[in-house]
Protein backbone atom coordinates (compact mmCIF):
# COMPACT_ATOMS: atom_id res chain seq x y z
CA MET A 1 111.32 100.46 73.84
CA ALA A 2 108.09 99.36 75.51
CA ILE A 3 106.88 98.33 72.07
CA LEU A 4 109.06 95.21 72.36
CA ASP A 5 107.12 94.12 75.45
CA GLN A 6 103.74 94.16 73.66
CA VAL A 7 103.59 90.37 73.48
CA PRO A 8 100.63 88.49 75.02
CA LEU A 9 101.53 86.30 78.01
CA GLN A 10 98.78 83.69 77.54
CA SER A 11 97.48 84.77 80.95
CA GLY A 12 94.83 82.06 81.15
CA PHE A 13 92.03 84.60 80.98
CA HIS A 14 89.98 85.73 78.00
CA ALA A 15 87.74 88.51 76.70
CA LYS A 16 84.76 87.50 78.81
CA SER A 17 86.62 86.70 82.04
CA THR A 18 85.04 88.43 85.02
CA ALA A 19 86.46 90.55 87.81
CA ALA A 20 85.78 87.78 90.31
CA GLU A 21 87.64 85.22 88.19
CA VAL A 22 90.69 87.45 87.81
CA LEU A 23 90.86 88.09 91.58
CA LYS A 24 89.96 84.55 92.67
CA ASP A 25 93.33 83.82 94.31
CA ILE A 26 94.22 87.41 95.25
CA ASN A 27 94.22 88.75 98.82
CA LEU A 28 94.22 92.54 99.14
CA ALA A 29 93.90 92.83 102.91
CA GLY A 30 95.89 95.82 104.11
CA LYS A 31 96.03 97.39 100.65
CA ILE A 32 94.74 100.91 99.97
CA ALA A 33 93.23 101.72 96.59
CA ILE A 34 91.88 104.88 94.97
CA VAL A 35 89.47 104.46 92.06
CA THR A 36 88.35 107.52 90.09
CA GLY A 37 84.89 107.24 88.62
CA GLY A 38 84.27 104.48 91.13
CA TYR A 39 80.53 104.92 91.50
CA SER A 40 79.28 104.01 88.03
CA GLY A 41 79.98 101.59 85.20
CA LEU A 42 83.39 99.94 85.19
CA GLY A 43 84.56 101.92 88.18
CA LEU A 44 81.74 100.64 90.34
CA GLU A 45 82.57 97.03 89.46
CA THR A 46 86.24 97.71 90.12
CA VAL A 47 85.44 99.09 93.57
CA ARG A 48 83.15 96.16 94.31
CA ALA A 49 85.84 93.63 93.38
CA LEU A 50 88.67 95.35 95.27
CA ALA A 51 86.59 95.74 98.43
CA SER A 52 85.50 92.09 98.26
CA LYS A 53 89.16 91.10 98.49
CA GLY A 54 89.87 93.19 101.57
CA ALA A 55 91.22 96.41 100.12
CA LYS A 56 90.38 99.78 101.65
CA VAL A 57 88.94 101.76 98.72
CA ILE A 58 88.64 105.53 98.44
CA VAL A 59 86.39 106.89 95.71
CA PRO A 60 86.76 110.54 94.66
CA VAL A 61 83.30 111.86 93.74
CA ARG A 62 81.70 114.81 92.01
CA SER A 63 78.26 113.96 93.40
CA GLU A 64 78.13 112.74 96.97
CA THR A 65 74.44 111.88 96.66
CA LYS A 66 74.87 109.74 93.53
CA ALA A 67 77.95 108.07 94.95
CA LYS A 68 76.26 107.12 98.21
CA GLU A 69 73.31 105.65 96.33
CA ALA A 70 75.52 103.63 93.97
CA LEU A 71 77.87 102.35 96.66
CA ALA A 72 75.25 101.66 99.32
CA GLY A 73 74.89 97.97 98.57
CA ILE A 74 78.57 97.14 98.35
CA ALA A 75 80.21 95.48 101.33
CA GLY A 76 83.66 96.45 102.48
CA ASP A 77 85.79 99.39 103.58
CA ILE A 78 84.74 102.07 101.08
CA THR A 79 84.89 105.81 101.65
CA ILE A 80 84.19 108.79 99.41
CA ALA A 81 85.76 112.24 99.18
CA PRO A 82 84.93 115.20 96.92
CA MET A 83 86.93 115.72 93.72
CA ASP A 84 86.29 116.89 90.16
CA LEU A 85 88.93 116.01 87.54
CA ALA A 86 87.94 119.08 85.53
CA ASP A 87 88.86 121.37 88.45
CA LEU A 88 92.55 121.44 89.36
CA ALA A 89 91.91 123.12 92.70
CA SER A 90 89.55 120.27 93.56
CA VAL A 91 92.15 117.69 92.52
CA ASN A 92 94.84 119.38 94.58
CA THR A 93 92.57 119.58 97.63
CA PHE A 94 91.72 115.87 97.36
CA ALA A 95 95.39 114.90 97.00
CA ALA A 96 96.37 117.05 100.00
CA SER A 97 93.67 115.41 102.14
CA MET A 98 94.95 111.96 101.15
CA GLN A 99 98.48 112.99 102.10
CA ILE A 100 97.20 113.79 105.59
CA THR A 101 95.02 110.71 106.12
CA LEU A 102 96.71 107.80 104.31
CA PRO A 103 99.97 106.02 105.14
CA GLN A 104 100.45 104.89 101.53
CA ILE A 105 98.59 104.11 98.30
CA ASP A 106 99.04 100.65 96.87
CA LEU A 107 96.72 100.92 93.88
CA LEU A 108 95.67 104.00 91.91
CA ILE A 109 93.05 103.24 89.27
CA ASN A 110 92.61 106.22 86.92
CA ASN A 111 89.26 105.01 85.62
CA ALA A 112 87.07 108.10 85.18
CA GLY A 113 86.58 109.78 81.85
CA VAL A 114 84.33 111.37 79.27
CA MET A 115 83.76 110.20 75.69
CA ALA A 116 82.82 111.99 72.48
CA SER A 117 81.49 114.98 74.40
CA PRO A 118 80.50 118.32 72.88
CA GLU A 119 83.31 120.84 72.55
CA SER A 120 84.17 122.59 75.80
CA LYS A 121 87.25 123.73 77.69
CA VAL A 122 88.37 123.05 81.25
CA GLY A 123 91.12 124.45 83.44
CA PRO A 124 93.14 127.16 81.72
CA GLY A 125 91.64 126.33 78.32
CA TRP A 126 92.31 122.64 77.83
CA GLU A 127 90.05 120.67 75.49
CA SER A 128 87.75 118.90 77.92
CA GLN A 129 88.37 115.27 76.97
CA PHE A 130 92.15 115.71 77.11
CA GLY A 131 91.81 117.91 80.18
CA ILE A 132 89.68 115.44 82.15
CA CYS A 133 90.93 112.06 80.92
CA HIS A 134 94.62 113.00 80.90
CA MET A 135 95.49 116.26 82.63
CA GLY A 136 93.14 115.74 85.58
CA HIS A 137 94.57 112.29 86.21
CA PHE A 138 98.11 113.56 85.62
CA ALA A 139 97.64 116.20 88.31
CA LEU A 140 96.07 113.65 90.65
CA THR A 141 98.93 111.19 90.22
CA GLN A 142 101.49 113.93 90.78
CA GLY A 143 99.71 114.94 93.96
CA LEU A 144 99.64 111.36 95.24
CA PHE A 145 103.08 110.29 94.04
CA SER A 146 104.82 110.37 97.44
CA LEU A 147 102.09 108.09 98.86
CA LEU A 148 102.64 105.65 96.00
CA GLU A 149 106.35 105.66 96.81
CA LYS A 150 105.55 104.64 100.39
CA ALA A 151 103.86 101.41 99.27
CA SER A 152 105.93 98.26 98.86
CA ALA A 153 104.94 97.58 95.24
CA PRO A 154 102.52 100.24 94.06
CA ARG A 155 100.62 99.98 90.80
CA VAL A 156 98.86 102.59 88.71
CA VAL A 157 96.36 101.61 86.04
CA ALA A 158 95.21 104.13 83.43
CA LEU A 159 92.11 103.31 81.41
CA SER A 160 92.83 103.82 77.75
CA SER A 161 90.74 102.41 74.87
CA THR A 162 90.95 100.92 71.41
CA ALA A 163 89.83 104.43 70.46
CA HIS A 164 93.51 105.41 70.73
CA LYS A 165 93.65 104.18 67.12
CA MET A 166 91.54 107.18 66.09
CA SER A 167 94.25 109.73 66.81
CA ASP A 168 97.83 110.23 67.92
CA ILE A 169 98.52 113.28 70.08
CA GLN A 170 97.84 116.36 67.97
CA TRP A 171 101.05 117.96 69.14
CA ASP A 172 100.56 121.25 67.28
CA ASP A 173 96.97 121.81 68.38
CA ILE A 174 96.02 119.56 71.29
CA ASN A 175 93.24 121.89 72.41
CA PHE A 176 91.68 122.37 68.96
CA ASP A 177 92.37 126.08 69.08
CA GLN A 178 93.15 126.27 65.34
CA THR A 179 91.52 123.15 63.90
CA PRO A 180 87.78 122.34 63.85
CA TYR A 181 86.75 120.25 66.84
CA GLU A 182 85.98 116.61 66.10
CA LYS A 183 84.74 114.70 69.14
CA TRP A 184 86.09 111.27 68.17
CA ARG A 185 89.51 112.61 67.23
CA ALA A 186 89.61 114.39 70.58
CA TYR A 187 88.60 111.20 72.40
CA GLY A 188 91.20 109.17 70.50
CA GLN A 189 93.89 111.68 71.43
CA ALA A 190 92.88 111.50 75.09
CA LYS A 191 93.05 107.70 75.09
CA THR A 192 96.46 107.77 73.42
CA ALA A 193 97.53 110.15 76.17
CA ASN A 194 96.36 107.68 78.83
CA ALA A 195 98.53 104.95 77.31
CA LEU A 196 101.58 107.19 76.97
CA PHE A 197 101.08 108.43 80.55
CA ALA A 198 101.35 104.88 81.92
CA ASN A 199 104.43 104.27 79.79
CA ALA A 200 106.23 107.32 81.19
CA LEU A 201 104.99 106.84 84.75
CA SER A 202 106.35 103.30 84.87
CA ARG A 203 109.90 104.68 84.66
CA ARG A 204 109.24 107.11 87.47
CA LEU A 205 107.87 104.38 89.73
CA LYS A 206 110.80 102.04 89.13
CA ASP A 207 112.86 103.13 92.15
CA ALA A 208 109.84 102.49 94.40
CA GLY A 209 109.36 99.01 92.96
CA GLY A 210 106.20 100.24 91.28
CA LEU A 211 104.52 99.57 87.94
CA ALA A 212 102.08 101.40 85.71
CA PHE A 213 99.93 100.01 82.92
CA SER A 214 97.24 101.17 80.52
CA VAL A 215 94.24 99.02 79.68
CA HIS A 216 91.52 98.74 77.07
CA PRO A 217 88.51 97.38 78.97
CA GLY A 218 86.56 96.40 75.87
CA GLY A 219 83.26 97.58 74.49
CA ILE A 220 80.74 98.02 77.30
CA PHE A 221 77.47 99.89 77.66
CA THR A 222 78.00 102.27 80.60
CA PRO A 223 77.17 105.92 81.39
CA LEU A 224 80.26 106.76 79.28
CA GLN A 225 77.92 106.75 76.26
CA ARG A 226 75.77 109.53 77.72
CA HIS A 227 76.85 112.04 75.06
CA LEU A 228 76.02 109.76 72.14
CA PRO A 229 72.59 110.10 70.51
CA LYS A 230 70.74 106.87 69.83
CA GLU A 231 70.93 107.52 66.08
CA GLU A 232 74.72 107.64 66.20
CA MET A 233 74.95 104.36 68.11
CA ILE A 234 72.62 102.77 65.55
CA ALA A 235 74.83 104.08 62.74
CA MET A 236 77.90 102.59 64.43
CA GLY A 237 76.19 99.23 64.75
CA TRP A 238 76.03 99.27 68.54
CA LEU A 239 72.24 99.42 68.60
CA GLY A 240 69.59 97.99 66.32
CA GLU A 241 66.84 100.11 64.82
CA ASP A 242 64.71 99.21 67.85
CA GLY A 243 67.22 100.89 70.13
CA GLU A 244 68.29 97.61 71.74
CA PRO A 245 71.87 96.24 71.60
CA SER A 246 72.63 94.85 68.15
CA GLU A 247 73.69 91.26 67.51
CA LEU A 248 77.20 92.59 66.91
CA ALA A 249 77.18 94.31 70.30
CA LYS A 250 75.74 91.26 72.05
CA ALA A 251 78.56 89.13 70.65
CA GLY A 252 81.43 91.55 71.15
CA PHE A 253 80.50 93.82 74.03
CA LYS A 254 81.26 92.92 77.65
CA SER A 255 79.30 93.31 80.83
CA PRO A 256 80.68 95.88 83.30
CA GLU A 257 82.03 93.03 85.47
CA GLN A 258 83.81 91.54 82.46
CA GLY A 259 85.03 94.99 81.45
CA ALA A 260 86.62 95.54 84.86
CA SER A 261 88.65 92.34 84.62
CA THR A 262 91.57 93.81 82.64
CA THR A 263 91.91 96.71 85.07
CA LEU A 264 92.02 94.30 88.00
CA TRP A 265 94.41 91.94 86.25
CA ALA A 266 96.79 94.82 85.54
CA ALA A 267 96.49 95.97 89.15
CA THR A 268 97.32 92.59 90.70
CA SER A 269 98.85 90.02 88.35
CA SER A 270 102.35 88.75 89.14
CA LYS A 271 102.73 87.90 85.45
CA LEU A 272 103.24 91.59 84.73
CA LEU A 273 106.37 91.88 86.85
CA GLY A 274 109.17 93.07 84.61
CA LYS A 275 106.71 94.42 82.02
CA PRO A 276 106.43 98.11 82.96
CA GLY A 277 104.24 100.44 80.98
CA VAL A 278 102.56 97.93 78.69
CA TYR A 279 99.06 98.29 77.20
CA CYS A 280 96.69 95.47 78.14
CA GLU A 281 93.40 94.07 76.85
CA ASP A 282 91.29 90.98 77.60
CA ALA A 283 93.21 90.40 80.87
CA ASP A 284 96.53 90.00 79.05
CA ILE A 285 99.18 92.13 77.40
CA ALA A 286 97.90 93.31 74.04
CA ALA A 287 99.74 92.46 70.85
CA MET A 288 100.78 95.16 68.42
CA THR A 289 98.03 96.00 65.96
CA ASP A 290 97.97 93.80 62.88
CA PRO A 291 97.15 96.25 60.07
CA ASP A 292 96.18 93.39 57.76
CA SER A 293 93.63 91.90 60.15
CA PRO A 294 89.94 92.85 59.89
CA MET A 295 90.04 93.02 63.70
CA GLY A 296 92.90 95.53 63.67
CA ARG A 297 90.41 98.34 64.29
CA TYR A 298 89.27 96.71 67.51
CA MET A 299 92.25 94.78 68.90
CA GLY A 300 95.90 95.41 69.66
CA VAL A 301 97.83 98.61 70.28
CA ASP A 302 99.12 101.01 67.65
CA PRO A 303 102.82 102.01 67.74
CA HIS A 304 102.05 105.66 68.51
CA ALA A 305 100.44 104.68 71.84
CA CYS A 306 103.45 102.77 73.18
CA ASP A 307 106.34 104.91 72.01
CA ASP A 308 108.80 105.81 74.77
CA ASP A 309 109.91 109.06 73.18
CA ALA A 310 106.32 110.25 72.69
CA ALA A 311 105.55 109.26 76.29
CA GLU A 312 108.41 111.40 77.58
CA ARG A 313 107.39 114.29 75.34
CA LEU A 314 103.85 114.15 76.71
CA TRP A 315 105.11 113.93 80.29
CA ASP A 316 107.27 117.03 79.88
CA LEU A 317 104.42 118.90 78.18
CA SER A 318 102.02 117.92 80.97
CA VAL A 319 104.42 119.08 83.68
CA GLY A 320 104.74 122.43 81.91
CA TRP A 321 100.98 122.80 81.50
CA LEU A 322 100.40 122.09 85.19
CA LYS A 323 102.99 124.67 86.22
CA ALA A 324 101.39 127.26 83.96
CA ALA A 325 97.81 126.51 85.03
């Protein structure tokens, strides 16, 4: 079980380590990376760091105008191509174009997502957070899988979150067709799905010498919070009554560059060899959640998010949903 591998490695990094520090001794010349959501927040910092180390980076984008503006000041080999994770036809078109133009994919960073959004459906009726965060990335990875196999040691990183603790997969009603929609439960389910996806994918990449990991980047103020009203963030303690970051947030939240560090560590660290499918945080493997710790709500990984059997169940379900879409 992957659960046995959830033991921190004492990586030498910490919660506030930056992307530049994690990649200090890494050379990515000749590597090809794809970063979803790579033109804002954590994704933008991930693209910046990968390009600075010589990687060719492709960024799938919903808005070409916004992407060009955001990426304009970043040096390196960076290209954009249209794609919308909520639109399977768009995902399939992007993947097909990559199959034609790329010799291989060394790094696939499934970074994009939505959080606590109003109820809506995408695709053939999938709840939007599950549909975008999981199913869109699942379809993308399937479409790019043969290019990953052509790389010498490919890695896939799926961005999960400590929010996985809010909900296991709601196997009987994933799309909230029968139960009342609750945005945080839906987000938690989607983040659990991201972790289970990496677990299952790691087994499918084994023959290609590949690895897959999920990561919790930490608490960061990014456009991901766009659906949250100020009053809700005040109630959660993220903002003070003045609308500025609270003292709690200032102490515990990370900058986008710090938040990108775990993604980049998972994408490049040799210390993760032999540790397929693990969930990472603070540029290290995360420990299992300590239910007796006051920090258990914020740190560690719950058993339901690193269960091999659940990962395989979700993989089979996702394959079936894609075929039926």
